[in-house]
N, C-alpha and C. Protein backbone atom coordinates (compact mmCIF):
# COMPACT_ATOMS: atom_id res chain seq x y z
N MET A 1 0.74 -1.23 -0.06
CA MET A 1 0.09 0.10 0.02
C MET A 1 0.91 1.25 0.07
N SER A 2 0.52 2.23 -0.88
CA SER A 2 1.42 3.41 -0.94
C SER A 2 1.17 4.38 0.21
N ALA A 3 2.07 5.17 0.50
CA ALA A 3 1.99 6.13 1.75
C ALA A 3 1.15 7.24 1.38
N GLU A 4 0.45 7.63 2.59
CA GLU A 4 -0.31 8.93 2.33
C GLU A 4 0.66 10.17 2.31
N ILE A 5 0.41 11.15 1.58
CA ILE A 5 1.16 12.29 1.41
C ILE A 5 0.34 13.39 2.17
N LEU A 6 0.85 14.10 3.08
CA LEU A 6 0.30 15.15 3.85
C LEU A 6 1.18 16.45 3.62
N ARG A 7 0.44 17.44 2.98
CA ARG A 7 1.12 18.74 3.07
C ARG A 7 0.98 19.60 4.16
N VAL A 8 2.17 20.02 4.80
CA VAL A 8 2.36 20.84 5.95
C VAL A 8 3.05 22.06 5.68
N HIS A 9 2.66 23.16 6.02
CA HIS A 9 3.24 24.40 5.95
C HIS A 9 4.71 24.53 6.55
N PRO A 10 5.90 24.77 5.81
CA PRO A 10 7.04 24.45 6.52
C PRO A 10 7.41 25.46 7.66
N ASP A 11 6.66 26.76 7.49
CA ASP A 11 7.19 27.78 8.50
C ASP A 11 6.15 27.76 9.59
N GLU A 12 4.94 27.61 9.19
CA GLU A 12 3.81 27.80 10.15
C GLU A 12 2.82 26.35 9.93
N PRO A 13 3.31 25.39 10.56
CA PRO A 13 2.56 24.01 10.53
C PRO A 13 1.28 24.18 11.00
N GLN A 14 0.07 23.72 10.33
CA GLN A 14 -1.08 23.86 10.79
C GLN A 14 -1.42 23.07 11.95
N PRO A 15 -2.03 23.45 13.00
CA PRO A 15 -1.98 22.58 14.39
C PRO A 15 -2.81 21.36 14.06
N ASP A 16 -3.97 21.39 13.39
CA ASP A 16 -4.85 20.15 13.18
C ASP A 16 -3.87 19.05 12.37
N ARG A 17 -3.04 19.48 11.74
CA ARG A 17 -2.13 18.39 10.81
C ARG A 17 -0.86 17.93 11.77
N ILE A 18 -0.31 18.83 12.61
CA ILE A 18 0.43 18.25 13.79
C ILE A 18 -0.29 17.18 14.67
N ASP A 19 -1.42 17.68 14.97
CA ASP A 19 -2.20 16.65 15.98
C ASP A 19 -2.20 15.34 15.37
N TYR A 20 -2.52 15.28 13.85
CA TYR A 20 -2.81 14.11 13.18
C TYR A 20 -1.37 13.39 13.21
N ILE A 21 -0.37 14.04 12.93
CA ILE A 21 0.91 13.33 12.84
C ILE A 21 1.36 12.77 14.19
N VAL A 22 1.10 13.54 15.28
CA VAL A 22 1.32 13.13 16.61
C VAL A 22 0.66 11.79 17.01
N SER A 23 -0.82 11.65 16.59
CA SER A 23 -1.61 10.61 16.73
C SER A 23 -1.01 9.38 16.06
N CYS A 24 -0.45 9.64 14.85
CA CYS A 24 0.06 8.35 13.98
C CYS A 24 1.48 7.90 14.84
N LEU A 25 2.11 8.75 15.45
CA LEU A 25 3.36 8.37 16.16
C LEU A 25 2.90 7.72 17.49
N GLN A 26 1.71 8.20 17.97
CA GLN A 26 1.28 7.51 19.13
C GLN A 26 0.81 5.95 18.94
N MET A 27 0.42 5.87 17.69
CA MET A 27 -0.09 4.58 17.26
C MET A 27 1.08 3.62 17.08
N GLY A 28 2.29 4.25 16.87
CA GLY A 28 3.42 3.42 16.62
C GLY A 28 3.75 3.41 15.26
N ASP A 29 3.09 4.31 14.53
CA ASP A 29 3.43 4.40 12.99
C ASP A 29 4.73 5.11 12.84
N VAL A 30 5.54 4.90 11.60
CA VAL A 30 6.66 5.48 11.08
C VAL A 30 6.23 6.76 10.13
N VAL A 31 6.77 7.86 10.47
CA VAL A 31 6.27 9.05 9.75
C VAL A 31 7.55 9.57 9.12
N ALA A 32 7.52 9.79 7.77
CA ALA A 32 8.78 10.55 7.07
C ALA A 32 8.33 12.10 7.01
N LEU A 33 9.36 12.79 7.64
CA LEU A 33 8.92 14.33 7.65
C LEU A 33 10.30 15.17 7.38
N PRO A 34 10.18 16.34 6.94
CA PRO A 34 11.28 17.18 6.71
C PRO A 34 12.11 17.69 7.85
N THR A 35 13.39 17.83 7.83
CA THR A 35 14.04 18.53 8.77
C THR A 35 14.83 19.69 8.08
N ASP A 36 15.90 20.36 8.70
CA ASP A 36 16.63 21.29 8.06
C ASP A 36 17.67 20.80 7.10
N THR A 37 18.00 19.59 7.31
CA THR A 37 19.03 19.01 6.37
C THR A 37 18.23 17.99 5.24
N PHE A 38 17.77 16.77 5.75
CA PHE A 38 17.24 15.92 4.92
C PHE A 38 15.91 15.45 5.40
N TYR A 39 15.00 14.86 4.72
CA TYR A 39 13.94 14.23 5.28
C TYR A 39 14.28 12.94 6.21
N GLY A 40 13.69 12.87 7.31
CA GLY A 40 13.87 11.87 8.22
C GLY A 40 12.70 10.87 8.55
N LEU A 41 13.03 9.62 9.12
CA LEU A 41 11.84 8.85 9.75
C LEU A 41 11.73 9.14 11.09
N ALA A 42 10.59 9.40 11.60
CA ALA A 42 10.24 9.81 12.85
C ALA A 42 9.40 8.54 13.48
N VAL A 43 9.73 8.28 14.67
CA VAL A 43 8.95 7.33 15.66
C VAL A 43 8.92 7.68 17.04
N ASP A 44 8.25 7.18 17.79
CA ASP A 44 8.32 7.45 19.27
C ASP A 44 9.45 6.53 19.80
N PRO A 45 10.48 7.19 20.32
CA PRO A 45 11.71 6.26 20.75
C PRO A 45 11.55 5.45 21.76
N VAL A 46 10.55 5.54 22.53
CA VAL A 46 10.39 4.61 23.58
C VAL A 46 9.52 3.36 23.21
N ASN A 47 8.92 3.56 22.00
CA ASN A 47 8.03 2.58 21.27
C ASN A 47 9.01 1.45 20.60
N LEU A 48 9.61 0.39 21.36
CA LEU A 48 10.52 -0.39 20.85
C LEU A 48 10.18 -1.18 19.44
N ARG A 49 8.86 -1.51 19.28
CA ARG A 49 8.34 -1.96 18.13
C ARG A 49 8.59 -1.08 17.00
N ALA A 50 8.29 0.28 17.25
CA ALA A 50 8.37 1.40 16.17
C ALA A 50 9.67 1.40 15.88
N VAL A 51 10.76 1.57 16.77
CA VAL A 51 12.23 1.62 16.54
C VAL A 51 12.62 0.48 15.80
N GLU A 52 12.09 -0.72 16.07
CA GLU A 52 12.55 -1.89 15.27
C GLU A 52 12.12 -1.95 13.79
N ARG A 53 10.97 -1.27 13.60
CA ARG A 53 10.31 -1.05 12.27
C ARG A 53 11.27 -0.09 11.44
N ILE A 54 11.99 0.97 12.10
CA ILE A 54 12.93 1.73 11.26
C ILE A 54 14.17 0.93 10.82
N TYR A 55 14.66 0.04 11.71
CA TYR A 55 15.83 -0.73 11.25
C TYR A 55 15.24 -1.63 9.96
N GLN A 56 14.23 -2.19 10.04
CA GLN A 56 13.66 -3.00 9.13
C GLN A 56 13.49 -2.26 7.62
N ILE A 57 12.91 -1.03 7.86
CA ILE A 57 12.78 -0.09 6.66
C ILE A 57 13.94 0.15 5.96
N LYS A 58 15.02 0.57 6.89
CA LYS A 58 16.30 1.10 6.22
C LYS A 58 17.09 -0.06 5.96
N THR A 59 16.83 -1.27 6.40
CA THR A 59 17.81 -2.51 6.56
C THR A 59 19.20 -1.96 7.02
N ARG A 60 19.00 -1.22 8.28
CA ARG A 60 20.14 -0.59 8.88
C ARG A 60 20.61 -1.61 9.84
N GLN A 61 22.05 -1.49 9.92
CA GLN A 61 22.65 -2.39 10.93
C GLN A 61 22.24 -1.90 12.39
N LYS A 62 21.92 -2.92 13.25
CA LYS A 62 21.30 -2.77 14.56
C LYS A 62 22.29 -2.15 15.60
N HIS A 63 23.63 -2.18 15.37
CA HIS A 63 24.52 -1.69 16.37
C HIS A 63 24.67 -0.28 16.00
N LYS A 64 23.85 0.38 15.14
CA LYS A 64 24.10 1.78 14.89
C LYS A 64 22.78 2.61 15.45
N PRO A 65 23.27 3.34 16.58
CA PRO A 65 22.08 3.99 17.22
C PRO A 65 21.34 5.14 16.18
N LEU A 66 20.13 5.41 16.79
CA LEU A 66 19.38 6.42 16.01
C LEU A 66 19.55 7.81 16.67
N SER A 67 19.59 8.84 15.88
CA SER A 67 19.49 10.21 16.53
C SER A 67 18.22 10.67 16.76
N LEU A 68 18.11 11.51 17.74
CA LEU A 68 16.74 12.29 18.14
C LEU A 68 16.80 13.55 17.77
N LEU A 69 15.54 14.04 17.47
CA LEU A 69 15.14 15.40 17.34
C LEU A 69 14.48 15.89 18.64
N ILE A 70 14.86 16.92 19.20
CA ILE A 70 14.40 17.58 20.38
C ILE A 70 14.01 19.08 19.99
N ALA A 71 13.19 19.52 21.06
CA ALA A 71 12.76 20.91 20.78
C ALA A 71 13.60 22.08 21.55
N SER A 72 14.56 21.62 22.35
CA SER A 72 15.14 22.83 23.14
C SER A 72 16.40 22.08 23.94
N LEU A 73 17.20 22.89 24.39
CA LEU A 73 18.52 22.41 25.17
C LEU A 73 17.73 21.89 26.61
N ALA A 74 16.65 22.54 27.07
CA ALA A 74 16.18 22.05 28.42
C ALA A 74 15.69 20.55 28.12
N GLN A 75 15.15 20.25 27.05
CA GLN A 75 14.69 18.95 26.74
C GLN A 75 15.82 17.73 26.64
N ALA A 76 16.89 18.42 26.25
CA ALA A 76 18.19 17.76 26.20
C ALA A 76 18.69 17.07 27.47
N TYR A 77 18.56 17.90 28.55
CA TYR A 77 19.10 17.77 29.77
C TYR A 77 18.15 16.27 30.36
N THR A 78 16.87 16.32 30.00
CA THR A 78 16.15 15.17 30.52
C THR A 78 16.70 13.87 29.99
N LEU A 79 17.56 13.92 28.86
CA LEU A 79 17.80 12.74 28.19
C LEU A 79 19.38 12.48 28.40
N VAL A 80 19.99 13.22 29.02
CA VAL A 80 21.32 13.02 29.10
C VAL A 80 21.70 12.65 30.49
N ARG A 81 22.70 11.69 30.66
CA ARG A 81 23.11 11.14 32.18
C ARG A 81 24.02 12.02 32.78
N ASP A 82 25.06 12.41 32.22
CA ASP A 82 25.93 13.42 32.69
C ASP A 82 26.11 14.54 31.93
N ALA A 83 25.64 15.77 32.43
CA ALA A 83 25.63 16.95 31.63
C ALA A 83 27.17 17.47 31.71
N ASP A 84 27.44 18.03 30.32
CA ASP A 84 28.73 18.38 30.19
C ASP A 84 28.75 19.98 29.76
N PRO A 85 29.72 20.79 30.21
CA PRO A 85 29.71 22.05 29.99
C PRO A 85 29.92 22.43 28.26
N MET A 86 30.45 21.50 27.70
CA MET A 86 30.77 21.51 26.24
C MET A 86 29.37 21.50 25.53
N LEU A 87 28.35 20.67 26.10
CA LEU A 87 27.09 20.69 25.45
C LEU A 87 26.55 22.04 25.44
N ASP A 88 26.46 22.80 26.68
CA ASP A 88 26.09 24.19 26.51
C ASP A 88 26.67 25.00 25.47
N LYS A 89 27.95 24.93 25.42
CA LYS A 89 28.62 25.75 24.58
C LYS A 89 28.33 25.49 22.98
N LEU A 90 28.03 24.20 22.75
CA LEU A 90 27.82 23.75 21.40
C LEU A 90 26.30 24.13 21.11
N ALA A 91 25.28 23.86 22.01
CA ALA A 91 24.12 24.27 21.97
C ALA A 91 23.75 25.70 21.71
N ASP A 92 24.38 26.44 22.65
CA ASP A 92 24.28 28.01 22.60
C ASP A 92 24.69 28.40 21.19
N ARG A 93 25.59 27.78 20.59
CA ARG A 93 26.05 28.28 19.19
C ARG A 93 25.42 27.87 18.03
N PHE A 94 25.11 26.75 18.01
CA PHE A 94 24.67 25.94 16.95
C PHE A 94 23.01 25.30 16.92
N TRP A 95 22.46 25.47 18.08
CA TRP A 95 21.02 25.11 17.98
C TRP A 95 20.15 26.25 18.08
N PRO A 96 18.89 26.05 17.35
CA PRO A 96 18.63 25.21 16.39
C PRO A 96 19.64 25.18 15.08
N GLY A 97 19.91 24.14 14.60
CA GLY A 97 20.92 24.06 13.44
C GLY A 97 21.16 22.49 13.08
N PRO A 98 22.19 22.47 12.29
CA PRO A 98 22.60 21.02 11.72
C PRO A 98 23.64 20.53 12.52
N LEU A 99 23.65 20.41 13.79
CA LEU A 99 24.71 19.87 14.71
C LEU A 99 24.04 18.68 15.40
N THR A 100 24.67 17.50 15.32
CA THR A 100 24.16 16.36 16.03
C THR A 100 25.24 16.24 17.19
N ILE A 101 24.80 16.14 18.43
CA ILE A 101 25.76 15.92 19.54
C ILE A 101 25.32 14.61 20.29
N ILE A 102 26.57 13.61 20.28
CA ILE A 102 26.39 12.47 21.07
C ILE A 102 26.83 12.54 22.45
N VAL A 103 25.89 12.08 23.46
CA VAL A 103 26.01 12.25 24.93
C VAL A 103 25.64 11.06 25.44
N ARG A 104 26.03 10.70 26.64
CA ARG A 104 25.64 9.51 27.48
C ARG A 104 24.25 9.51 27.70
N ALA A 105 23.26 8.62 27.51
CA ALA A 105 21.93 8.63 27.60
C ALA A 105 21.52 8.30 29.15
N SER A 106 20.42 9.14 29.35
CA SER A 106 19.99 9.02 30.80
C SER A 106 19.01 7.46 30.74
N SER A 107 18.70 7.07 31.88
CA SER A 107 17.71 5.95 31.99
C SER A 107 16.45 5.86 31.66
N LYS A 108 15.91 7.19 31.07
CA LYS A 108 14.71 7.52 30.66
C LYS A 108 14.49 6.84 29.00
N LEU A 109 15.66 6.56 28.39
CA LEU A 109 15.56 5.93 27.26
C LEU A 109 15.88 4.49 27.16
N PRO A 110 15.05 3.55 26.69
CA PRO A 110 15.47 2.19 26.59
C PRO A 110 16.82 1.99 26.05
N LEU A 111 17.60 0.98 26.57
CA LEU A 111 18.89 0.85 26.06
C LEU A 111 18.71 0.43 24.51
N ARG A 112 17.58 -0.31 24.10
CA ARG A 112 17.43 -0.64 22.76
C ARG A 112 17.55 0.54 21.90
N SER A 113 16.93 1.81 22.49
CA SER A 113 16.75 3.01 21.41
C SER A 113 18.14 3.49 21.36
N THR A 114 19.04 3.05 22.11
CA THR A 114 20.51 3.43 21.78
C THR A 114 21.37 2.50 21.22
N ALA A 115 20.71 1.56 20.58
CA ALA A 115 21.43 0.37 19.98
C ALA A 115 22.28 -0.17 20.91
N ASN A 116 21.93 -0.35 22.28
CA ASN A 116 22.79 -0.91 23.18
C ASN A 116 24.18 -0.27 23.58
N THR A 117 24.28 1.05 23.07
CA THR A 117 25.52 1.56 23.24
C THR A 117 25.55 2.57 24.51
N GLY A 118 24.40 2.82 25.16
CA GLY A 118 24.27 3.84 26.17
C GLY A 118 24.34 5.24 25.82
N ASN A 119 24.51 5.53 24.62
CA ASN A 119 24.74 6.80 24.13
C ASN A 119 23.55 7.22 23.29
N VAL A 120 23.32 8.55 23.12
CA VAL A 120 22.13 9.09 22.24
C VAL A 120 22.64 10.45 21.57
N ALA A 121 22.22 10.47 20.36
CA ALA A 121 22.56 11.57 19.52
C ALA A 121 21.47 12.57 19.55
N LEU A 122 21.54 13.79 19.65
CA LEU A 122 20.59 14.74 20.02
C LEU A 122 20.74 16.06 19.04
N ARG A 123 19.58 16.49 18.54
CA ARG A 123 19.86 17.77 17.68
C ARG A 123 18.51 18.56 17.84
N VAL A 124 18.73 19.87 17.98
CA VAL A 124 17.41 20.88 17.69
C VAL A 124 17.48 21.24 16.23
N PRO A 125 16.45 20.87 15.51
CA PRO A 125 16.40 21.14 14.13
C PRO A 125 16.04 22.50 13.92
N ASP A 126 16.43 23.19 13.00
CA ASP A 126 16.11 24.54 12.37
C ASP A 126 14.92 24.54 11.49
N SER A 127 13.90 23.92 11.88
CA SER A 127 12.81 23.38 11.12
C SER A 127 11.43 23.39 11.91
N ALA A 128 10.63 24.04 11.56
CA ALA A 128 9.38 24.22 12.25
C ALA A 128 8.35 23.06 12.44
N ILE A 129 8.30 22.27 11.40
CA ILE A 129 7.39 20.93 11.50
C ILE A 129 8.11 19.98 12.45
N PRO A 130 9.35 19.48 12.63
CA PRO A 130 9.72 18.56 13.65
C PRO A 130 9.62 18.96 15.02
N ARG A 131 9.96 20.33 15.29
CA ARG A 131 9.94 20.96 16.47
C ARG A 131 8.44 20.96 17.03
N ALA A 132 7.42 21.34 16.06
CA ALA A 132 6.16 21.31 16.49
C ALA A 132 5.59 19.89 16.97
N VAL A 133 6.09 18.90 16.07
CA VAL A 133 5.61 17.62 16.49
C VAL A 133 6.24 17.13 17.81
N VAL A 134 7.52 17.61 18.12
CA VAL A 134 8.16 17.10 19.22
C VAL A 134 7.45 17.90 20.51
N GLU A 135 7.00 19.15 20.36
CA GLU A 135 6.51 19.86 21.37
C GLU A 135 5.04 19.32 21.73
N LYS A 136 4.38 18.90 20.72
CA LYS A 136 2.95 18.42 20.84
C LYS A 136 2.91 16.89 21.57
N LEU A 137 4.03 16.07 20.97
CA LEU A 137 4.09 14.68 21.33
C LEU A 137 4.63 14.91 22.92
N GLY A 138 5.39 15.62 23.28
CA GLY A 138 5.97 15.75 24.57
C GLY A 138 7.23 14.74 24.72
N LEU A 139 7.85 14.26 23.70
CA LEU A 139 8.82 13.28 23.59
C LEU A 139 9.76 13.81 22.25
N PRO A 140 10.99 13.41 22.42
CA PRO A 140 11.75 13.38 21.24
C PRO A 140 11.32 12.43 20.09
N ILE A 141 11.65 12.79 18.89
CA ILE A 141 11.44 11.83 17.82
C ILE A 141 12.66 11.35 17.05
N THR A 142 12.80 10.08 16.71
CA THR A 142 13.80 9.78 15.89
C THR A 142 14.10 10.45 14.53
N ALA A 143 15.32 10.62 14.07
CA ALA A 143 15.61 11.34 12.89
C ALA A 143 16.64 10.71 11.97
N THR A 144 16.61 9.56 11.94
CA THR A 144 17.36 8.92 10.80
C THR A 144 16.92 9.03 9.64
N SER A 145 17.84 9.35 8.45
CA SER A 145 17.47 9.86 7.16
C SER A 145 16.49 8.97 6.49
N ALA A 146 15.49 9.54 5.70
CA ALA A 146 14.41 8.75 5.07
C ALA A 146 14.92 8.36 3.91
N ASN A 147 15.79 7.26 3.80
CA ASN A 147 16.21 6.71 2.76
C ASN A 147 16.53 5.24 2.74
N LEU A 148 16.64 4.56 1.77
CA LEU A 148 17.26 3.04 2.01
C LEU A 148 18.65 3.09 2.17
N GLN A 149 19.16 2.15 2.99
CA GLN A 149 20.40 2.15 3.25
C GLN A 149 21.44 2.00 2.03
N GLY A 150 22.42 2.98 2.00
CA GLY A 150 23.26 3.00 0.68
C GLY A 150 22.57 4.04 -0.45
N ALA A 151 21.30 4.26 -0.37
CA ALA A 151 20.85 5.18 -1.33
C ALA A 151 20.92 6.78 -0.88
N SER A 152 20.86 7.52 -1.88
CA SER A 152 21.00 8.98 -1.53
C SER A 152 19.88 9.52 -0.49
N GLU A 153 20.37 10.48 0.36
CA GLU A 153 19.34 11.19 1.01
C GLU A 153 18.32 11.96 0.28
N CYS A 154 17.25 12.10 0.87
CA CYS A 154 16.13 13.05 0.31
C CYS A 154 15.99 14.43 0.86
N THR A 155 15.76 15.25 -0.20
CA THR A 155 15.69 16.64 0.29
C THR A 155 14.15 17.29 -0.21
N HIS A 156 13.44 16.23 -0.69
CA HIS A 156 12.12 16.53 -1.01
C HIS A 156 11.13 15.35 -0.90
N ALA A 157 9.90 15.54 -0.65
CA ALA A 157 8.96 14.42 -0.33
C ALA A 157 8.90 13.36 -1.51
N ALA A 158 9.10 13.81 -2.69
CA ALA A 158 8.97 12.85 -3.75
C ALA A 158 10.13 11.94 -3.82
N CYS A 159 10.95 12.20 -3.41
CA CYS A 159 12.25 11.38 -3.33
C CYS A 159 11.98 10.17 -2.20
N VAL A 160 11.40 10.78 -1.13
CA VAL A 160 11.13 9.60 -0.06
C VAL A 160 10.07 8.74 -0.61
N ARG A 161 9.00 9.28 -1.31
CA ARG A 161 7.83 8.35 -1.83
C ARG A 161 8.59 7.43 -2.85
N ASP A 162 9.47 7.80 -3.65
CA ASP A 162 10.16 6.92 -4.61
C ASP A 162 10.86 5.68 -3.79
N GLN A 163 11.50 6.02 -2.83
CA GLN A 163 12.23 5.23 -2.04
C GLN A 163 11.51 4.31 -1.14
N LEU A 164 10.74 4.94 -0.43
CA LEU A 164 10.06 4.18 0.76
C LEU A 164 8.57 4.38 0.61
N GLY A 165 7.98 4.65 -0.24
CA GLY A 165 6.53 4.84 -0.41
C GLY A 165 5.54 3.70 -0.08
N ASP A 166 6.23 2.42 -0.38
CA ASP A 166 5.57 1.23 0.15
C ASP A 166 5.76 0.75 1.34
N ARG A 167 6.71 1.48 2.07
CA ARG A 167 7.29 0.88 3.42
C ARG A 167 6.77 1.80 4.44
N VAL A 168 6.41 3.19 4.38
CA VAL A 168 5.94 4.03 5.41
C VAL A 168 4.41 4.44 5.21
N PRO A 169 3.69 4.43 6.20
CA PRO A 169 2.27 4.65 6.05
C PRO A 169 1.99 6.33 5.69
N LEU A 170 3.01 7.17 6.16
CA LEU A 170 2.68 8.71 6.17
C LEU A 170 4.06 9.41 5.68
N ILE A 171 3.83 10.32 4.80
CA ILE A 171 5.04 11.13 4.30
C ILE A 171 4.48 12.63 4.36
N ILE A 172 5.23 13.38 5.17
CA ILE A 172 4.86 14.80 5.36
C ILE A 172 5.61 15.61 4.39
N ASP A 173 4.82 16.36 3.44
CA ASP A 173 5.35 17.36 2.46
C ASP A 173 5.55 18.56 2.81
N GLY A 174 6.83 18.88 3.38
CA GLY A 174 7.04 20.32 3.87
C GLY A 174 7.72 21.01 2.86
N GLY A 175 7.85 20.56 1.53
CA GLY A 175 8.69 21.36 0.63
C GLY A 175 10.09 20.71 0.79
N PRO A 176 11.05 21.39 -0.15
CA PRO A 176 12.34 21.24 0.01
C PRO A 176 12.95 21.39 1.15
N THR A 177 13.81 20.64 1.66
CA THR A 177 14.87 21.07 2.75
C THR A 177 15.76 22.33 2.60
N GLY A 178 16.18 22.87 3.66
CA GLY A 178 17.14 24.09 3.50
C GLY A 178 18.49 23.81 3.16
N ARG A 179 18.93 22.44 3.21
CA ARG A 179 20.44 22.12 2.94
C ARG A 179 20.56 20.82 2.34
N SER A 180 21.75 20.59 1.56
CA SER A 180 22.09 19.44 0.86
C SER A 180 23.27 18.74 1.59
N LEU A 181 23.85 19.31 2.69
CA LEU A 181 24.73 18.73 3.48
C LEU A 181 24.24 17.86 4.83
N PRO A 182 24.85 16.90 5.09
CA PRO A 182 24.24 16.37 6.50
C PRO A 182 24.64 17.18 7.74
N THR A 183 24.22 16.78 8.80
CA THR A 183 24.77 17.36 10.00
C THR A 183 26.04 17.13 10.32
N THR A 184 26.75 17.89 11.18
CA THR A 184 27.93 17.64 11.65
C THR A 184 27.76 17.00 12.99
N ILE A 185 28.52 15.95 13.24
CA ILE A 185 28.32 14.93 14.36
C ILE A 185 29.54 15.26 15.38
N VAL A 186 29.34 15.57 16.76
CA VAL A 186 30.27 15.81 17.60
C VAL A 186 30.11 14.80 18.81
N ASP A 187 30.93 13.92 19.14
CA ASP A 187 30.95 13.07 20.16
C ASP A 187 31.42 13.52 21.46
N LEU A 188 30.48 13.75 22.36
CA LEU A 188 30.82 14.25 23.75
C LEU A 188 30.79 13.13 24.82
N SER A 189 30.66 11.98 24.32
CA SER A 189 30.50 10.75 25.35
C SER A 189 31.65 10.24 25.75
N LEU A 190 32.87 10.67 25.54
CA LEU A 190 34.15 10.12 25.82
C LEU A 190 34.41 10.29 27.17
N GLY A 191 33.96 11.22 27.89
CA GLY A 191 34.43 11.61 29.19
C GLY A 191 35.65 12.20 29.38
N SER A 192 35.88 12.83 30.42
CA SER A 192 37.15 13.44 30.87
C SER A 192 37.35 14.79 30.04
N GLY A 193 36.36 15.44 29.65
CA GLY A 193 36.60 16.65 28.74
C GLY A 193 36.96 16.55 27.30
N ARG A 194 36.84 15.06 26.88
CA ARG A 194 37.37 14.82 25.62
C ARG A 194 36.27 14.89 24.61
N TRP A 195 36.37 15.34 23.26
CA TRP A 195 35.38 15.36 22.21
C TRP A 195 36.08 14.90 20.95
N GLU A 196 35.18 14.65 19.97
CA GLU A 196 35.49 14.00 18.70
C GLU A 196 34.63 14.31 17.63
N ILE A 197 34.97 14.93 16.58
CA ILE A 197 34.13 15.21 15.40
C ILE A 197 33.99 13.75 14.68
N LEU A 198 32.90 13.31 14.46
CA LEU A 198 32.78 12.03 13.77
C LEU A 198 32.32 12.26 12.44
N ARG A 199 31.80 13.35 11.97
CA ARG A 199 31.44 13.91 10.82
C ARG A 199 31.45 15.34 10.53
N GLU A 200 32.19 15.48 9.68
CA GLU A 200 32.16 17.04 9.19
C GLU A 200 31.02 17.20 8.25
N GLY A 201 29.97 18.04 8.53
CA GLY A 201 28.86 18.37 7.56
C GLY A 201 28.65 19.88 7.38
N ALA A 202 27.29 20.16 7.58
CA ALA A 202 27.10 21.64 7.27
C ALA A 202 27.84 22.66 8.21
N ILE A 203 28.34 22.20 9.23
CA ILE A 203 29.27 23.16 10.11
C ILE A 203 30.61 22.69 10.16
N PRO A 204 31.46 23.51 9.63
CA PRO A 204 32.86 23.31 9.52
C PRO A 204 33.62 22.95 10.82
N THR A 205 34.56 22.10 10.86
CA THR A 205 35.36 21.66 11.80
C THR A 205 35.70 23.07 12.68
N HIS A 206 36.35 24.00 12.08
CA HIS A 206 36.97 25.14 12.77
C HIS A 206 35.97 25.95 13.51
N GLU A 207 34.67 25.95 13.09
CA GLU A 207 33.52 26.55 13.83
C GLU A 207 33.37 25.81 15.23
N ILE A 208 33.42 24.54 15.28
CA ILE A 208 33.33 23.82 16.33
C ILE A 208 34.32 23.94 17.21
N VAL A 209 35.61 24.09 16.77
CA VAL A 209 36.75 24.31 17.68
C VAL A 209 36.62 25.48 18.47
N MET A 210 36.20 26.69 17.59
CA MET A 210 36.18 27.90 18.05
C MET A 210 35.01 28.00 19.21
N ALA A 211 33.90 27.39 18.96
CA ALA A 211 32.90 27.40 20.04
C ALA A 211 33.20 26.83 21.19
N LEU A 212 33.97 25.53 21.11
CA LEU A 212 34.44 24.83 22.54
C LEU A 212 35.48 25.57 23.02
N GLN A 213 36.35 26.41 22.56
CA GLN A 213 37.40 27.39 23.22
C GLN A 213 36.91 28.53 23.65
N ARG A 214 35.66 28.71 23.73
CA ARG A 214 35.25 30.07 24.22
C ARG A 214 35.19 30.09 25.76
């Protein structure tokens, strides 16, 4: 069965449509929606059956944890085991935006949602639709890219439909995403004040270094 396509305004998401998206997530459905980088696959991260469905859709290796979209730094603190001053520095400088930060996960997240790593990757997207969904749901949502493993990431809904239209029940069409580069990923889970850039993307390495040296 092909996916339902739902048009949502990218800057001023219609509340009734956000309500509908949230109801689908609460039922355990996988929803493809736009972020500020690529389209992503959203589920409730504490619904382990829904999390498992994402791995099946993407044929993703199960040792790879899923990243989560959140609405604010305050929400990040509810998901982090040990707060790190570096998290504040990076969040103040780059959130909302294309920076994914890996931290040690609190016990609020099931271990399975961290791919049994105990770490979680968090981001506040510079995109109104996912932030509205997170705020209404009251939980973070997963944010793995809405594409088949090994295929190109999608910057518009038609690409998601072509790749995953028979695998997900709902695709949110919020128009083209604002960037064609992935997020930069910084790992703060190493402890002892150590950090590492795992992927340079939309934010250059030197900007990360400058922010952490403030």
